[in-house]
Amino acid sequence: MKVKRSRGERIFSVFNYILLTGIIVICFYPVWYVAAASFSDSNTLSAHTGILLYPLGFSLEAYKKVFANPMITRGYLNTLFILTAGIILDLFMTSLGAYFLSRKKVLLKKPIMILIMFTMFFSGGMIPFYLNLKDLHLTGTLWGLILPFMINTYNLVILRTSFESIPESLVEAAQIDGAGHFTIWGQIILPLSKAILAVMVLYYGVSIWNSWFWASAIIRNREMYPLQVILREILMQNDVTSMTTGIGAADQESVAMTIKYATIIVATVPILCVYPFLQKYFAKGTMVGAVKE
């Protein structure tokens, strides 16, 4: 039976649709502008003012320059290595910690959890953290961007809460059959937690893909720069000289602009392609993340 809505409810719905549509446009237009500008002819774009709704004089020259830059390719490879190794180790360590904290008969479980939660709000600081990396010989290596960040406290709490929701009877039945903790963790807990593990992949993946600060702080060899550090150089330091060689000085400024836009698209598209496949798990991840003690 269809419920008839009052006039006020209909007006409120219309207002909501208009407001949300406006928000969508405001959020989407900058992305569309960058994409359209990256496919535009550099000279035509530099002469254009106002709103950009479509590429001006369609051209792939900016993308040819971007992919011809060896630093972009090297940055992609470095980022893919950090991303792959990071996600595997992050999930392994976080799920182990979450499994330990989700068990009921753990000695000093509450004090341990309080100490872990404490790290969410207080840290030793940036300089002590850097000195630790230096003493552990993790500066100047890509592993310095992976090993110190294997467990995120917030993700650990989410995963622990999810593991606690799994019926204890399944664990007890496995223990009666002689299963140890690693067997229970690998053959019962993880297979029943695929949805929340997908959320962890997305959380860790986005964090690793977007990170640039510590890479710029501990990496000095440009051959080891991840993609985001190279992107930052191009955008913040206006460094596109390696991609504008052979171009007249008069055209370099306009070409540099389209190259910047193309670099942004190249660095953003991979994570945008992955997100739609995992975003459906976001709601479940948020609900499961409610901390219960």
Protein backbone atom coordinates (compact mmCIF):
# COMPACT_ATOMS: atom_id res chain seq x y z
CA MET A 1 0.00 0.00 0.00
CA LYS A 2 1.43 3.32 -1.08
CA VAL A 3 1.41 5.96 1.65
CA LYS A 4 0.34 9.37 0.46
CA ARG A 5 2.83 12.02 1.49
CA SER A 6 1.82 15.44 2.70
CA ARG A 7 2.59 18.62 0.79
CA GLY A 8 5.31 19.54 3.28
CA GLU A 9 7.00 16.16 2.84
CA ARG A 10 6.95 16.53 -0.96
CA ILE A 11 8.47 20.02 -0.74
CA PHE A 12 11.12 18.73 1.65
CA SER A 13 11.98 15.87 -0.75
CA VAL A 14 12.27 18.26 -3.71
CA PHE A 15 14.51 20.55 -1.66
CA ASN A 16 16.68 17.57 -0.68
CA TYR A 17 17.04 16.44 -4.30
CA ILE A 18 18.01 19.94 -5.42
CA LEU A 19 20.50 20.35 -2.57
CA LEU A 20 22.12 16.94 -3.06
CA THR A 21 22.29 17.44 -6.83
CA GLY A 22 24.06 20.74 -6.24
CA ILE A 23 26.54 19.06 -3.88
CA ILE A 24 27.20 16.32 -6.46
CA VAL A 25 27.89 18.92 -9.15
CA ILE A 26 30.19 20.91 -6.86
CA CYS A 27 32.17 17.77 -5.95
CA PHE A 28 32.23 16.31 -9.46
CA TYR A 29 33.06 19.41 -11.51
CA PRO A 30 36.71 19.81 -10.35
CA VAL A 31 37.38 16.19 -11.35
CA TRP A 32 35.66 16.72 -14.70
CA TYR A 33 37.57 19.97 -15.26
CA VAL A 34 40.92 18.26 -14.70
CA ALA A 35 39.96 15.38 -17.02
CA ALA A 36 38.70 17.70 -19.77
CA ALA A 37 41.74 19.98 -19.46
CA SER A 38 44.13 17.03 -19.69
CA PHE A 39 42.70 16.09 -23.10
CA SER A 40 42.67 19.68 -24.38
CA ASP A 41 45.06 21.36 -26.76
CA SER A 42 47.52 23.31 -24.62
CA ASN A 43 47.37 26.57 -26.60
CA THR A 44 43.57 26.54 -26.80
CA LEU A 45 43.26 25.77 -23.10
CA SER A 46 45.64 28.55 -22.06
CA ALA A 47 43.48 31.05 -23.96
CA HIS A 48 40.25 29.74 -22.43
CA THR A 49 38.56 31.36 -19.44
CA GLY A 50 35.45 30.36 -17.49
CA ILE A 51 33.75 27.00 -17.13
CA LEU A 52 35.20 24.05 -19.04
CA LEU A 53 32.62 21.46 -20.04
CA TYR A 54 34.52 19.47 -22.69
CA PRO A 55 38.07 19.12 -24.03
CA LEU A 56 39.15 22.04 -26.20
CA GLY A 57 40.81 20.78 -29.37
CA PHE A 58 41.11 17.13 -28.32
CA SER A 59 44.77 16.14 -27.88
CA LEU A 60 46.70 13.27 -26.26
CA GLU A 61 50.00 15.15 -26.31
CA ALA A 62 50.03 15.71 -22.54
CA TYR A 63 49.58 11.98 -21.85
CA LYS A 64 52.35 11.11 -24.33
CA LYS A 65 54.67 13.45 -22.44
CA VAL A 66 53.63 12.01 -19.08
CA PHE A 67 54.18 8.37 -20.06
CA ALA A 68 57.43 9.27 -21.79
CA ASN A 69 58.76 10.53 -18.46
CA PRO A 70 60.78 7.66 -16.90
CA MET A 71 60.15 9.03 -13.40
CA ILE A 72 56.40 8.49 -13.78
CA THR A 73 56.96 4.85 -14.75
CA ARG A 74 59.46 4.36 -11.94
CA GLY A 75 57.10 6.04 -9.47
CA TYR A 76 54.28 3.73 -10.53
CA LEU A 77 56.45 0.64 -10.01
CA ASN A 78 57.60 1.85 -6.59
CA THR A 79 54.05 2.64 -5.54
CA LEU A 80 52.75 -0.73 -6.77
CA PHE A 81 55.47 -2.50 -4.76
CA ILE A 82 54.63 -0.50 -1.63
CA LEU A 83 50.91 -1.04 -2.22
CA THR A 84 51.13 -4.80 -2.79
CA ALA A 85 53.58 -5.58 0.01
CA GLY A 86 51.90 -3.07 2.32
CA ILE A 87 48.37 -4.44 1.93
CA ILE A 88 49.50 -8.05 2.38
CA LEU A 89 51.53 -7.32 5.50
CA ASP A 90 48.95 -4.87 6.86
CA LEU A 91 46.13 -7.41 6.58
CA PHE A 92 48.30 -10.19 8.01
CA MET A 93 49.45 -8.24 11.06
CA THR A 94 46.15 -6.44 11.69
CA SER A 95 44.11 -9.64 11.46
CA LEU A 96 46.51 -11.44 13.82
CA GLY A 97 46.26 -8.63 16.36
CA ALA A 98 42.49 -8.43 15.98
CA TYR A 99 42.15 -12.19 16.46
CA PHE A 100 44.22 -12.06 19.65
CA LEU A 101 42.17 -9.17 21.06
CA SER A 102 38.86 -10.78 20.09
CA ARG A 103 39.43 -13.90 22.20
CA LYS A 104 37.59 -13.92 25.53
CA LYS A 105 40.19 -15.59 27.75
CA VAL A 106 43.17 -13.32 27.12
CA LEU A 107 45.27 -12.33 30.11
CA LEU A 108 45.32 -8.54 30.71
CA LYS A 109 43.16 -8.02 27.64
CA LYS A 110 41.62 -4.75 28.85
CA PRO A 111 44.92 -3.04 29.83
CA ILE A 112 46.45 -4.10 26.51
CA MET A 113 43.46 -2.69 24.62
CA ILE A 114 43.68 0.58 26.58
CA LEU A 115 47.37 0.92 25.69
CA ILE A 116 46.58 0.27 22.02
CA MET A 117 43.73 2.79 22.03
CA PHE A 118 46.05 5.32 23.69
CA THR A 119 48.17 5.38 20.53
CA MET A 120 45.19 6.70 18.56
CA PHE A 121 45.30 9.97 20.47
CA PHE A 122 48.93 10.36 21.56
CA SER A 123 52.19 9.57 19.81
CA GLY A 124 55.88 10.04 20.46
CA GLY A 125 56.09 12.73 17.81
CA MET A 126 57.52 13.07 14.35
CA ILE A 127 61.19 13.48 15.29
CA PRO A 128 61.36 10.43 17.63
CA PHE A 129 59.59 8.40 14.95
CA TYR A 130 62.13 9.47 12.34
CA LEU A 131 65.02 8.67 14.71
CA ASN A 132 63.55 5.21 15.27
CA LEU A 133 63.45 4.64 11.52
CA LYS A 134 67.04 5.80 11.24
CA ASP A 135 68.24 3.55 14.07
CA LEU A 136 66.44 0.59 12.48
CA HIS A 137 68.12 1.38 9.12
CA LEU A 138 64.76 1.91 7.44
CA THR A 139 65.56 5.32 5.98
CA GLY A 140 66.50 5.35 2.32
CA THR A 141 64.55 2.16 1.63
CA LEU A 142 61.01 1.39 0.50
CA TRP A 143 60.59 -0.96 3.46
CA GLY A 144 60.67 2.12 5.66
CA LEU A 145 57.32 3.03 4.13
CA ILE A 146 55.85 -0.42 4.78
CA LEU A 147 57.05 -2.01 8.03
CA PRO A 148 56.40 0.88 10.47
CA PHE A 149 52.83 1.30 9.23
CA MET A 150 51.65 -2.31 9.24
CA ILE A 151 48.96 -1.83 11.90
CA ASN A 152 46.53 1.06 12.00
CA THR A 153 44.83 1.25 15.41
CA TYR A 154 41.45 2.28 14.01
CA ASN A 155 41.48 -0.60 11.51
CA LEU A 156 42.56 -2.97 14.26
CA VAL A 157 39.56 -1.97 16.39
CA ILE A 158 37.17 -2.43 13.44
CA LEU A 159 38.55 -5.86 12.64
CA ARG A 160 38.56 -6.95 16.29
CA THR A 161 34.90 -5.96 16.63
CA SER A 162 34.06 -7.92 13.49
CA PHE A 163 35.86 -11.02 14.77
CA GLU A 164 34.00 -10.77 18.09
CA SER A 165 30.68 -10.98 16.21
CA ILE A 166 31.54 -14.47 14.91
CA PRO A 167 29.74 -17.09 17.03
CA GLU A 168 32.03 -18.48 19.70
CA SER A 169 30.46 -21.91 19.19
CA LEU A 170 32.31 -22.25 15.86
CA VAL A 171 35.63 -21.61 17.57
CA GLU A 172 34.84 -24.01 20.40
CA ALA A 173 33.83 -26.73 17.95
CA ALA A 174 37.13 -26.30 16.11
CA GLN A 175 39.05 -26.46 19.38
CA ILE A 176 37.28 -29.70 20.32
CA ASP A 177 38.42 -31.13 16.97
CA GLY A 178 41.99 -30.20 17.88
CA ALA A 179 42.41 -27.02 15.87
CA GLY A 180 45.02 -24.55 17.08
CA HIS A 181 44.79 -20.78 17.01
CA PHE A 182 46.44 -20.42 13.59
CA THR A 183 44.05 -22.99 12.11
CA ILE A 184 41.04 -21.23 13.64
CA TRP A 185 42.33 -17.85 12.43
CA GLY A 186 43.10 -19.01 8.89
CA GLN A 187 40.27 -21.48 8.23
CA ILE A 188 37.35 -20.09 10.24
CA ILE A 189 37.76 -16.44 11.18
CA LEU A 190 39.21 -15.05 7.93
CA PRO A 191 36.83 -16.89 5.53
CA LEU A 192 33.85 -15.57 7.55
CA SER A 193 35.21 -12.02 7.46
CA LYS A 194 35.63 -11.46 3.71
CA ALA A 195 33.44 -8.35 3.68
CA ILE A 196 35.32 -6.56 6.45
CA LEU A 197 38.66 -7.66 4.96
CA ALA A 198 37.60 -5.98 1.71
CA VAL A 199 37.02 -2.81 3.73
CA MET A 200 40.51 -3.15 5.21
CA VAL A 201 41.98 -3.54 1.70
CA LEU A 202 40.26 -0.31 0.68
CA TYR A 203 41.27 1.59 3.83
CA TYR A 204 44.90 0.51 3.68
CA GLY A 205 45.07 0.77 -0.10
CA VAL A 206 43.80 4.35 -0.24
CA SER A 207 46.08 5.35 2.63
CA ILE A 208 49.16 3.86 0.97
CA TRP A 209 48.30 5.21 -2.49
CA ASN A 210 47.83 8.77 -1.22
CA SER A 211 50.76 8.91 1.23
CA TRP A 212 53.69 11.11 0.32
CA PHE A 213 54.99 12.78 3.49
CA TRP A 214 57.17 10.03 4.95
CA ALA A 215 58.41 9.07 1.49
CA SER A 216 59.66 12.63 0.98
CA ALA A 217 61.16 12.60 4.49
CA ILE A 218 63.14 9.35 4.42
CA ILE A 219 63.81 8.72 0.71
CA ARG A 220 66.67 10.66 -0.89
CA ASN A 221 67.21 8.59 -4.02
CA ARG A 222 64.82 9.90 -6.69
CA GLU A 223 64.77 6.47 -8.33
CA MET A 224 62.91 5.21 -5.25
CA TYR A 225 60.28 7.97 -5.14
CA PRO A 226 56.68 6.70 -5.11
CA LEU A 227 54.23 8.22 -7.56
CA GLN A 228 52.70 10.71 -5.13
CA VAL A 229 56.06 12.33 -4.35
CA ILE A 230 56.71 12.78 -8.07
CA LEU A 231 53.21 14.20 -8.47
CA ARG A 232 53.87 16.62 -5.64
CA GLU A 233 57.08 17.78 -7.31
CA ILE A 234 55.22 18.46 -10.52
CA LEU A 235 52.33 20.32 -8.87
CA MET A 236 54.05 22.15 -6.02
CA GLN A 237 57.47 22.84 -7.50
CA ASN A 238 56.24 23.30 -11.06
CA ASP A 239 58.87 20.80 -12.19
CA VAL A 240 57.87 19.59 -15.66
CA THR A 241 61.13 20.39 -17.42
CA SER A 242 61.83 16.71 -18.10
CA MET A 243 58.55 16.47 -20.02
CA THR A 244 58.78 19.73 -22.00
CA THR A 245 62.13 19.21 -23.68
CA GLY A 246 62.09 20.04 -27.36
CA ILE A 247 59.22 22.53 -26.93
CA GLY A 248 59.68 26.20 -27.60
CA ALA A 249 59.96 28.50 -24.62
CA ALA A 250 56.78 30.34 -25.65
CA ASP A 251 54.74 27.11 -25.56
CA GLN A 252 56.28 25.54 -22.46
CA GLU A 253 53.97 27.27 -19.99
CA SER A 254 50.76 26.19 -21.74
CA VAL A 255 52.05 22.64 -22.31
CA ALA A 256 53.13 22.42 -18.66
CA MET A 257 49.56 23.16 -17.60
CA THR A 258 48.04 20.25 -19.55
CA ILE A 259 50.86 17.97 -18.40
CA LYS A 260 49.97 18.73 -14.78
CA TYR A 261 46.34 17.84 -15.40
CA ALA A 262 47.30 14.63 -17.23
CA THR A 263 49.61 13.63 -14.37
CA ILE A 264 46.79 14.10 -11.86
CA ILE A 265 44.50 11.85 -13.93
CA VAL A 266 47.21 9.20 -14.34
CA ALA A 267 47.82 9.17 -10.59
CA THR A 268 44.12 9.15 -9.66
CA VAL A 269 42.42 6.79 -12.11
CA PRO A 270 43.71 3.47 -10.64
CA ILE A 271 42.27 4.09 -7.19
CA LEU A 272 39.04 5.43 -8.72
CA CYS A 273 38.67 2.21 -10.71
CA VAL A 274 39.10 0.02 -7.62
CA TYR A 275 36.77 2.01 -5.37
CA PRO A 276 33.41 1.10 -7.03
CA PHE A 277 34.08 -2.61 -6.48
CA LEU A 278 34.68 -2.17 -2.75
CA GLN A 279 32.53 0.82 -1.78
CA LYS A 280 29.50 -1.40 -1.07
CA TYR A 281 31.36 -2.72 1.96
CA PHE A 282 31.82 0.75 3.43
CA ALA A 283 28.46 0.80 5.21
CA LYS A 284 29.09 -2.58 6.78
CA GLY A 285 32.58 -1.53 7.79
CA THR A 286 31.24 1.58 9.47
CA MET A 287 28.56 -0.36 11.36
CA VAL A 288 30.97 -3.09 12.43
CA GLY A 289 33.39 -0.42 13.60
CA ALA A 290 31.16 0.53 16.52
CA VAL A 291 33.35 -0.17 19.55
CA LYS A 292 31.72 -2.42 22.12
CA GLU A 293 33.35 -3.37 25.39
